Amino acid sequence: STVSAQLSRHLGWPLLDTDEMVVQREGRTIPEIFACEGEDYFRRVETVCAREAAGTEEAVIATGGGIVLREENMTALRRSGFVCFLDRGAAEIAEGLDISGRPLLREGREKIYRLARERDALYRKYADAVVSEKTPEAAAEAVLYALAAAEPEKGEM
């Protein structure tokens, strides 16, 4: 979220967060959606929001980590622009993440490692660039550099 906000400010583009879009569309929090409807329902709504976000020109789109689980999400996002995987590493995420209110992490921080192992190959498969800088400022700078380098390949952005 921090990196996305910095990119949005730098580029002068709106920031679209698919998790926030789901919350607005549903009128309830993600934990409430998971509790009442389950993960599959959440993923379906997330896909609708990903398509909507991908249809917006010149926007920074922030997604939750599970967006990569549906190929159609990644196809839409890649077709609309540049996809960057912010690879912070499971240990760093586990150390700094507030897991309260995160339905998939009810089992505790050890699930972060399992999810990272399960999703890592997908993140890398769909990413136009992988950025692993530690600070949000350095990560945003690396994304901007990768975006500038990729513009001839990905089209005018």
C-alpha atoms as a PDB file:
ATOM      1  CA  SER A   1       0.000   0.000   0.000  1.00  0.00           C
ATOM      2  CA  THR A   2       2.789   2.414   0.854  1.00  0.00           C
ATOM      3  CA  VAL A   3       4.664   1.714  -2.373  1.00  0.00           C
ATOM      4  CA  SER A   4       1.471   2.029  -4.422  1.00  0.00           C
ATOM      5  CA  ALA A   5       0.662   5.377  -2.817  1.00  0.00           C
ATOM      6  CA  GLN A   6       4.153   6.671  -3.619  1.00  0.00           C
ATOM      7  CA  LEU A   7       3.859   5.492  -7.225  1.00  0.00           C
ATOM      8  CA  SER A   8       0.451   7.127  -7.537  1.00  0.00           C
ATOM      9  CA  ARG A   9       1.814  10.459  -6.301  1.00  0.00           C
ATOM     10  CA  HIS A  10       4.906  10.280  -8.509  1.00  0.00           C
ATOM     11  CA  LEU A  11       3.034   9.360 -11.688  1.00  0.00           C
ATOM     12  CA  GLY A  12       0.029  11.581 -10.964  1.00  0.00           C
ATOM     13  CA  TRP A  13      -2.256   8.608 -11.533  1.00  0.00           C
ATOM     14  CA  PRO A  14      -5.154   7.512  -9.311  1.00  0.00           C
ATOM     15  CA  LEU A  15      -4.573   4.645  -6.915  1.00  0.00           C
ATOM     16  CA  LEU A  16      -7.024   1.759  -7.152  1.00  0.00           C
ATOM     17  CA  ASP A  17      -6.849  -0.878  -4.429  1.00  0.00           C
ATOM     18  CA  THR A  18      -8.776  -4.037  -5.302  1.00  0.00           C
ATOM     19  CA  ASP A  19      -9.310  -4.927  -1.639  1.00  0.00           C
ATOM     20  CA  GLU A  20     -10.794  -1.479  -0.984  1.00  0.00           C
ATOM     21  CA  MET A  21     -12.934  -1.860  -4.108  1.00  0.00           C
ATOM     22  CA  VAL A  22     -14.298  -5.169  -2.765  1.00  0.00           C
ATOM     23  CA  VAL A  23     -15.124  -3.551   0.585  1.00  0.00           C
ATOM     24  CA  GLN A  24     -16.893  -0.634  -1.113  1.00  0.00           C
ATOM     25  CA  ARG A  25     -18.817  -2.907  -3.481  1.00  0.00           C
ATOM     26  CA  GLU A  26     -19.941  -5.236  -0.690  1.00  0.00           C
ATOM     27  CA  GLY A  27     -20.455  -2.660   2.063  1.00  0.00           C
ATOM     28  CA  ARG A  28     -18.634  -4.837   4.588  1.00  0.00           C
ATOM     29  CA  THR A  29     -15.114  -5.703   5.602  1.00  0.00           C
ATOM     30  CA  ILE A  30     -13.079  -8.525   4.099  1.00  0.00           C
ATOM     31  CA  PRO A  31     -13.209 -10.530   7.372  1.00  0.00           C
ATOM     32  CA  GLU A  32     -17.006 -10.161   7.323  1.00  0.00           C
ATOM     33  CA  ILE A  33     -17.159 -11.339   3.716  1.00  0.00           C
ATOM     34  CA  PHE A  34     -14.993 -14.374   4.527  1.00  0.00           C
ATOM     35  CA  ALA A  35     -17.059 -15.181   7.631  1.00  0.00           C
ATOM     36  CA  CYS A  36     -20.453 -14.865   5.923  1.00  0.00           C
ATOM     37  CA  GLU A  37     -19.747 -15.953   2.357  1.00  0.00           C
ATOM     38  CA  GLY A  38     -16.379 -17.715   2.328  1.00  0.00           C
ATOM     39  CA  GLU A  39     -13.192 -17.292   0.363  1.00  0.00           C
ATOM     40  CA  ASP A  40     -14.622 -18.402  -2.993  1.00  0.00           C
ATOM     41  CA  TYR A  41     -17.246 -15.643  -2.888  1.00  0.00           C
ATOM     42  CA  PHE A  42     -14.575 -13.093  -1.967  1.00  0.00           C
ATOM     43  CA  ARG A  43     -12.410 -14.251  -4.892  1.00  0.00           C
ATOM     44  CA  ARG A  44     -15.332 -13.872  -7.317  1.00  0.00           C
ATOM     45  CA  VAL A  45     -15.956 -10.283  -6.179  1.00  0.00           C
ATOM     46  CA  GLU A  46     -12.199  -9.634  -6.267  1.00  0.00           C
ATOM     47  CA  THR A  47     -12.176 -10.757  -9.915  1.00  0.00           C
ATOM     48  CA  VAL A  48     -14.956  -8.305 -10.789  1.00  0.00           C
ATOM     49  CA  CYS A  49     -12.955  -5.534  -9.118  1.00  0.00           C
ATOM     50  CA  ALA A  50      -9.710  -6.578 -10.833  1.00  0.00           C
ATOM     51  CA  ARG A  51     -11.404  -6.387 -14.233  1.00  0.00           C
ATOM     52  CA  GLU A  52     -12.857  -2.986 -13.378  1.00  0.00           C
ATOM     53  CA  ALA A  53      -9.487  -1.670 -12.203  1.00  0.00           C
ATOM     54  CA  ALA A  54      -7.712  -3.108 -15.252  1.00  0.00           C
ATOM     55  CA  GLY A  55     -10.116  -1.175 -17.463  1.00  0.00           C
ATOM     56  CA  THR A  56      -8.879   2.136 -16.042  1.00  0.00           C
ATOM     57  CA  GLU A  57      -6.171   3.869 -18.035  1.00  0.00           C
ATOM     58  CA  GLU A  58      -3.175   5.330 -16.264  1.00  0.00           C
ATOM     59  CA  ALA A  59      -3.821   4.035 -12.774  1.00  0.00           C
ATOM     60  CA  VAL A  60      -1.712   2.389 -10.107  1.00  0.00           C
ATOM     61  CA  ILE A  61      -3.479  -0.795  -9.061  1.00  0.00           C
ATOM     62  CA  ALA A  62      -2.714  -2.337  -5.680  1.00  0.00           C
ATOM     63  CA  THR A  63      -3.914  -5.889  -5.096  1.00  0.00           C
ATOM     64  CA  GLY A  64      -4.082  -8.371  -2.293  1.00  0.00           C
ATOM     65  CA  GLY A  65      -1.709 -11.322  -2.410  1.00  0.00           C
ATOM     66  CA  GLY A  66      -4.382 -13.774  -3.520  1.00  0.00           C
ATOM     67  CA  ILE A  67      -5.216 -11.914  -6.744  1.00  0.00           C
ATOM     68  CA  VAL A  68      -2.686 -14.136  -8.498  1.00  0.00           C
ATOM     69  CA  LEU A  69      -4.708 -17.288  -7.758  1.00  0.00           C
ATOM     70  CA  ARG A  70      -7.044 -16.656 -10.684  1.00  0.00           C
ATOM     71  CA  GLU A  71      -5.435 -16.570 -14.095  1.00  0.00           C
ATOM     72  CA  GLU A  72      -8.219 -14.328 -15.416  1.00  0.00           C
ATOM     73  CA  ASN A  73      -7.211 -11.633 -12.901  1.00  0.00           C
ATOM     74  CA  MET A  74      -3.624 -11.663 -14.036  1.00  0.00           C
ATOM     75  CA  THR A  75      -4.572 -11.774 -17.711  1.00  0.00           C
ATOM     76  CA  ALA A  76      -6.710  -8.649 -17.266  1.00  0.00           C
ATOM     77  CA  LEU A  77      -4.035  -6.827 -15.283  1.00  0.00           C
ATOM     78  CA  ARG A  78      -1.232  -7.737 -17.697  1.00  0.00           C
ATOM     79  CA  ARG A  79      -3.303  -6.749 -20.716  1.00  0.00           C
ATOM     80  CA  SER A  80      -3.945  -3.316 -19.200  1.00  0.00           C
ATOM     81  CA  GLY A  81      -0.406  -2.506 -18.165  1.00  0.00           C
ATOM     82  CA  PHE A  82       2.731  -3.311 -16.257  1.00  0.00           C
ATOM     83  CA  VAL A  83       2.618  -5.900 -13.445  1.00  0.00           C
ATOM     84  CA  CYS A  84       5.225  -5.735 -10.714  1.00  0.00           C
ATOM     85  CA  PHE A  85       5.706  -8.274  -7.931  1.00  0.00           C
ATOM     86  CA  LEU A  86       6.940  -6.648  -4.724  1.00  0.00           C
ATOM     87  CA  ASP A  87       8.920  -9.546  -3.261  1.00  0.00           C
ATOM     88  CA  ARG A  88       9.518  -8.740   0.374  1.00  0.00           C
ATOM     89  CA  GLY A  89      10.117 -12.330   1.434  1.00  0.00           C
ATOM     90  CA  ALA A  90       7.972 -14.356   3.788  1.00  0.00           C
ATOM     91  CA  ALA A  91      10.153 -13.714   6.844  1.00  0.00           C
ATOM     92  CA  GLU A  92       9.963  -9.946   6.449  1.00  0.00           C
ATOM     93  CA  ILE A  93       6.213 -10.080   5.851  1.00  0.00           C
ATOM     94  CA  ALA A  94       5.663 -12.338   8.861  1.00  0.00           C
ATOM     95  CA  GLU A  95       7.717 -10.042  11.069  1.00  0.00           C
ATOM     96  CA  GLY A  96       5.948  -6.803  10.188  1.00  0.00           C
ATOM     97  CA  LEU A  97       2.393  -7.825   9.327  1.00  0.00           C
ATOM     98  CA  ASP A  98      -0.571  -7.237  11.615  1.00  0.00           C
ATOM     99  CA  ILE A  99      -2.457 -10.497  11.089  1.00  0.00           C
ATOM    100  CA  SER A 100      -5.567  -9.442  13.000  1.00  0.00           C
ATOM    101  CA  GLY A 101      -8.439  -9.046  10.584  1.00  0.00           C
ATOM    102  CA  ARG A 102      -6.779 -11.233   7.949  1.00  0.00           C
ATOM    103  CA  PRO A 103      -9.032 -14.249   7.454  1.00  0.00           C
ATOM    104  CA  LEU A 104      -6.440 -16.424   5.716  1.00  0.00           C
ATOM    105  CA  LEU A 105      -3.982 -15.948   8.582  1.00  0.00           C
ATOM    106  CA  ARG A 106      -6.207 -17.138  11.421  1.00  0.00           C
ATOM    107  CA  GLU A 107      -3.870 -20.109  11.804  1.00  0.00           C
ATOM    108  CA  GLY A 108      -1.040 -17.724  12.638  1.00  0.00           C
ATOM    109  CA  ARG A 109       2.098 -16.350  11.084  1.00  0.00           C
ATOM    110  CA  GLU A 110       3.376 -19.750   9.930  1.00  0.00           C
ATOM    111  CA  LYS A 111       0.666 -19.704   7.256  1.00  0.00           C
ATOM    112  CA  ILE A 112       2.442 -16.712   5.669  1.00  0.00           C
ATOM    113  CA  TYR A 113       5.338 -19.041   4.804  1.00  0.00           C
ATOM    114  CA  ARG A 114       3.007 -21.631   3.298  1.00  0.00           C
ATOM    115  CA  LEU A 115       1.100 -19.064   1.227  1.00  0.00           C
ATOM    116  CA  ALA A 116       4.381 -17.550   0.014  1.00  0.00           C
ATOM    117  CA  ARG A 117       5.645 -20.984  -1.087  1.00  0.00           C
ATOM    118  CA  GLU A 118       2.356 -21.731  -2.863  1.00  0.00           C
ATOM    119  CA  ARG A 119       2.123 -18.373  -4.635  1.00  0.00           C
ATOM    120  CA  ASP A 120       5.735 -17.436  -5.390  1.00  0.00           C
ATOM    121  CA  ALA A 121       5.900 -19.194  -8.773  1.00  0.00           C
ATOM    122  CA  LEU A 122       2.628 -17.569  -9.831  1.00  0.00           C
ATOM    123  CA  TYR A 123       3.827 -14.101  -8.816  1.00  0.00           C
ATOM    124  CA  ARG A 124       6.967 -14.595 -10.866  1.00  0.00           C
ATOM    125  CA  LYS A 125       5.083 -16.096 -13.822  1.00  0.00           C
ATOM    126  CA  TYR A 126       2.849 -13.062 -14.245  1.00  0.00           C
ATOM    127  CA  ALA A 127       5.222 -10.269 -13.230  1.00  0.00           C
ATOM    128  CA  ASP A 128       6.814  -7.992 -15.773  1.00  0.00           C
ATOM    129  CA  ALA A 129       9.302  -7.119 -13.034  1.00  0.00           C
ATOM    130  CA  VAL A 130      10.214  -8.375  -9.571  1.00  0.00           C
ATOM    131  CA  VAL A 131      11.275  -5.767  -7.034  1.00  0.00           C
ATOM    132  CA  SER A 132      12.803  -6.781  -3.713  1.00  0.00           C
ATOM    133  CA  GLU A 133      14.106  -3.509  -2.284  1.00  0.00           C
ATOM    134  CA  LYS A 134      13.492  -3.288   1.455  1.00  0.00           C
ATOM    135  CA  THR A 135      12.218   0.258   1.971  1.00  0.00           C
ATOM    136  CA  PRO A 136       9.038   1.570   0.353  1.00  0.00           C
ATOM    137  CA  GLU A 137      11.001   4.467  -1.154  1.00  0.00           C
ATOM    138  CA  ALA A 138      13.593   2.170  -2.746  1.00  0.00           C
ATOM    139  CA  ALA A 139      10.887  -0.225  -3.944  1.00  0.00           C
ATOM    140  CA  ALA A 140       8.915   2.622  -5.556  1.00  0.00           C
ATOM    141  CA  GLU A 141      12.067   3.881  -7.264  1.00  0.00           C
ATOM    142  CA  ALA A 142      12.835   0.370  -8.552  1.00  0.00           C
ATOM    143  CA  VAL A 143       9.292   0.006  -9.910  1.00  0.00           C
ATOM    144  CA  LEU A 144       9.565   3.345 -11.707  1.00  0.00           C
ATOM    145  CA  TYR A 145      12.900   2.295 -13.208  1.00  0.00           C
ATOM    146  CA  ALA A 146      11.479  -1.067 -14.348  1.00  0.00           C
ATOM    147  CA  LEU A 147       8.403   0.647 -15.777  1.00  0.00           C
ATOM    148  CA  ALA A 148      10.516   3.122 -17.743  1.00  0.00           C
ATOM    149  CA  ALA A 149      12.685   0.300 -19.074  1.00  0.00           C
ATOM    150  CA  ALA A 150       9.634  -1.745 -20.108  1.00  0.00           C
ATOM    151  CA  GLU A 151       7.605   0.988 -21.820  1.00  0.00           C
ATOM    152  CA  PRO A 152       8.677   0.080 -25.371  1.00  0.00           C
ATOM    153  CA  GLU A 153       7.584  -3.528 -24.717  1.00  0.00           C
ATOM    154  CA  LYS A 154       4.338  -2.825 -22.850  1.00  0.00           C
ATOM    155  CA  GLY A 155       3.183   0.158 -24.885  1.00  0.00           C
ATOM    156  CA  GLU A 156       2.616   3.755 -23.867  1.00  0.00           C
ATOM    157  CA  MET A 157       1.791   3.948 -20.185  1.00  0.00           C
END
